[in-house]
């Protein structure tokens, strides 16, 4: 819930959902949904490019855990896309 004051100084309550800011274009790292939103690259292509060494990524995982979070280096994706336009 979010409170705001109207012109009379009375507090008004809204139930508008809190949303994240739009795509941050200068983010250093993005996850798979961010990669698709910013660059149009889906998960399978992202992992293929990563395995070929065309883009860079990092896996964040706690010691002893099987699952983690894969993040992709946005600058390396931009560099890759620039090479594809030449």
C-alpha atoms as a PDB file:
ATOM      1  CA  UNK A   1       0.000   0.000   0.000  1.00  0.00           C
ATOM      2  CA  UNK A   2       1.153   3.487  -0.742  1.00  0.00           C
ATOM      3  CA  UNK A   3       0.131   6.598   1.134  1.00  0.00           C
ATOM      4  CA  UNK A   4      -0.031  10.043  -0.414  1.00  0.00           C
ATOM      5  CA  UNK A   5      -1.463  13.401   0.613  1.00  0.00           C
ATOM      6  CA  UNK A   6      -4.164  15.156  -1.344  1.00  0.00           C
ATOM      7  CA  UNK A   7      -4.477  18.954  -1.580  1.00  0.00           C
ATOM      8  CA  UNK A   8      -6.216  19.145   1.821  1.00  0.00           C
ATOM      9  CA  UNK A   9      -3.362  17.310   3.540  1.00  0.00           C
ATOM     10  CA  UNK A  10      -5.492  14.195   4.149  1.00  0.00           C
ATOM     11  CA  UNK A  11      -3.739  10.890   3.660  1.00  0.00           C
ATOM     12  CA  UNK A  12      -5.097   8.714   0.891  1.00  0.00           C
ATOM     13  CA  UNK A  13      -4.374   5.022   0.582  1.00  0.00           C
ATOM     14  CA  UNK A  14      -3.928   3.308  -2.743  1.00  0.00           C
ATOM     15  CA  UNK A  15      -3.504  -0.351  -3.557  1.00  0.00           C
ATOM     16  CA  UNK A  16      -1.496   0.193  -6.742  1.00  0.00           C
ATOM     17  CA  UNK A  17       1.133  -2.526  -7.122  1.00  0.00           C
ATOM     18  CA  UNK A  18       4.762  -1.578  -6.829  1.00  0.00           C
ATOM     19  CA  UNK A  19       6.561  -2.227 -10.103  1.00  0.00           C
ATOM     20  CA  UNK A  20      10.211  -2.335 -10.999  1.00  0.00           C
ATOM     21  CA  UNK A  21      11.652   0.447 -13.063  1.00  0.00           C
ATOM     22  CA  UNK A  22      11.741  -0.030 -16.827  1.00  0.00           C
ATOM     23  CA  UNK A  23      14.700  -1.811 -18.408  1.00  0.00           C
ATOM     24  CA  UNK A  24      17.926  -0.313 -17.156  1.00  0.00           C
ATOM     25  CA  UNK A  25      19.921   0.122 -20.337  1.00  0.00           C
ATOM     26  CA  UNK A  26      23.227   0.649 -18.583  1.00  0.00           C
ATOM     27  CA  UNK A  27      23.072  -2.484 -16.430  1.00  0.00           C
ATOM     28  CA  UNK A  28      26.346  -4.402 -16.312  1.00  0.00           C
ATOM     29  CA  UNK A  29      24.728  -7.828 -15.995  1.00  0.00           C
ATOM     30  CA  UNK A  30      21.318  -9.179 -16.984  1.00  0.00           C
ATOM     31  CA  UNK A  31      19.517 -12.459 -16.370  1.00  0.00           C
ATOM     32  CA  UNK A  32      17.686 -14.443 -19.075  1.00  0.00           C
ATOM     33  CA  UNK A  33      14.451 -12.407 -18.926  1.00  0.00           C
ATOM     34  CA  UNK A  34      16.499  -9.195 -19.008  1.00  0.00           C
ATOM     35  CA  UNK A  35      18.510 -10.470 -21.948  1.00  0.00           C
ATOM     36  CA  UNK A  36      15.325 -11.164 -23.867  1.00  0.00           C
ATOM     37  CA  UNK A  37      13.746  -7.829 -22.924  1.00  0.00           C
ATOM     38  CA  UNK A  38      16.805  -5.746 -23.818  1.00  0.00           C
ATOM     39  CA  UNK A  39      18.289  -7.635 -26.752  1.00  0.00           C
ATOM     40  CA  UNK A  40      15.650 -10.103 -27.954  1.00  0.00           C
ATOM     41  CA  UNK A  41      17.932 -13.068 -27.199  1.00  0.00           C
ATOM     42  CA  UNK A  42      16.104 -16.029 -25.693  1.00  0.00           C
ATOM     43  CA  UNK A  43      17.509 -18.474 -23.164  1.00  0.00           C
ATOM     44  CA  UNK A  44      18.574 -21.244 -25.550  1.00  0.00           C
ATOM     45  CA  UNK A  45      20.454 -18.863 -27.853  1.00  0.00           C
ATOM     46  CA  UNK A  46      22.052 -17.152 -24.846  1.00  0.00           C
ATOM     47  CA  UNK A  47      23.446 -20.446 -23.557  1.00  0.00           C
ATOM     48  CA  UNK A  48      24.635 -21.403 -27.060  1.00  0.00           C
ATOM     49  CA  UNK A  49      26.462 -18.074 -27.428  1.00  0.00           C
ATOM     50  CA  UNK A  50      27.907 -18.509 -23.956  1.00  0.00           C
ATOM     51  CA  UNK A  51      29.237 -21.991 -24.747  1.00  0.00           C
ATOM     52  CA  UNK A  52      30.790 -20.699 -27.999  1.00  0.00           C
ATOM     53  CA  UNK A  53      32.508 -17.900 -26.089  1.00  0.00           C
ATOM     54  CA  UNK A  54      30.681 -15.237 -28.096  1.00  0.00           C
ATOM     55  CA  UNK A  55      29.292 -13.621 -24.921  1.00  0.00           C
ATOM     56  CA  UNK A  56      30.378 -13.714 -21.294  1.00  0.00           C
ATOM     57  CA  UNK A  57      28.428 -14.793 -18.240  1.00  0.00           C
ATOM     58  CA  UNK A  58      28.756 -15.705 -14.613  1.00  0.00           C
ATOM     59  CA  UNK A  59      26.913 -18.161 -12.421  1.00  0.00           C
ATOM     60  CA  UNK A  60      26.148 -17.062  -8.878  1.00  0.00           C
ATOM     61  CA  UNK A  61      25.817 -20.070  -6.646  1.00  0.00           C
ATOM     62  CA  UNK A  62      26.325 -20.661  -2.961  1.00  0.00           C
ATOM     63  CA  UNK A  63      28.807 -23.288  -1.933  1.00  0.00           C
ATOM     64  CA  UNK A  64      27.268 -26.741  -1.878  1.00  0.00           C
ATOM     65  CA  UNK A  65      24.187 -25.708  -3.834  1.00  0.00           C
ATOM     66  CA  UNK A  66      23.175 -27.178  -7.169  1.00  0.00           C
ATOM     67  CA  UNK A  67      21.108 -24.257  -8.422  1.00  0.00           C
ATOM     68  CA  UNK A  68      22.220 -20.687  -8.853  1.00  0.00           C
ATOM     69  CA  UNK A  69      21.562 -17.577 -10.896  1.00  0.00           C
ATOM     70  CA  UNK A  70      23.099 -17.097 -14.352  1.00  0.00           C
ATOM     71  CA  UNK A  71      23.915 -13.534 -15.310  1.00  0.00           C
ATOM     72  CA  UNK A  72      25.175 -12.359 -18.694  1.00  0.00           C
ATOM     73  CA  UNK A  73      27.614  -9.510 -19.258  1.00  0.00           C
ATOM     74  CA  UNK A  74      25.619  -6.855 -21.114  1.00  0.00           C
ATOM     75  CA  UNK A  75      28.738  -5.244 -22.615  1.00  0.00           C
ATOM     76  CA  UNK A  76      29.811  -8.551 -24.183  1.00  0.00           C
ATOM     77  CA  UNK A  77      26.321  -8.968 -25.656  1.00  0.00           C
ATOM     78  CA  UNK A  78      26.493  -5.455 -27.133  1.00  0.00           C
ATOM     79  CA  UNK A  79      29.951  -6.212 -28.563  1.00  0.00           C
ATOM     80  CA  UNK A  80      28.675  -9.450 -30.080  1.00  0.00           C
ATOM     81  CA  UNK A  81      25.720  -7.681 -31.682  1.00  0.00           C
ATOM     82  CA  UNK A  82      28.024  -5.002 -33.119  1.00  0.00           C
ATOM     83  CA  UNK A  83      30.145  -7.688 -34.776  1.00  0.00           C
ATOM     84  CA  UNK A  84      27.020  -9.153 -36.362  1.00  0.00           C
ATOM     85  CA  UNK A  85      26.121  -5.866 -38.072  1.00  0.00           C
ATOM     86  CA  UNK A  86      29.451  -5.598 -39.905  1.00  0.00           C
END
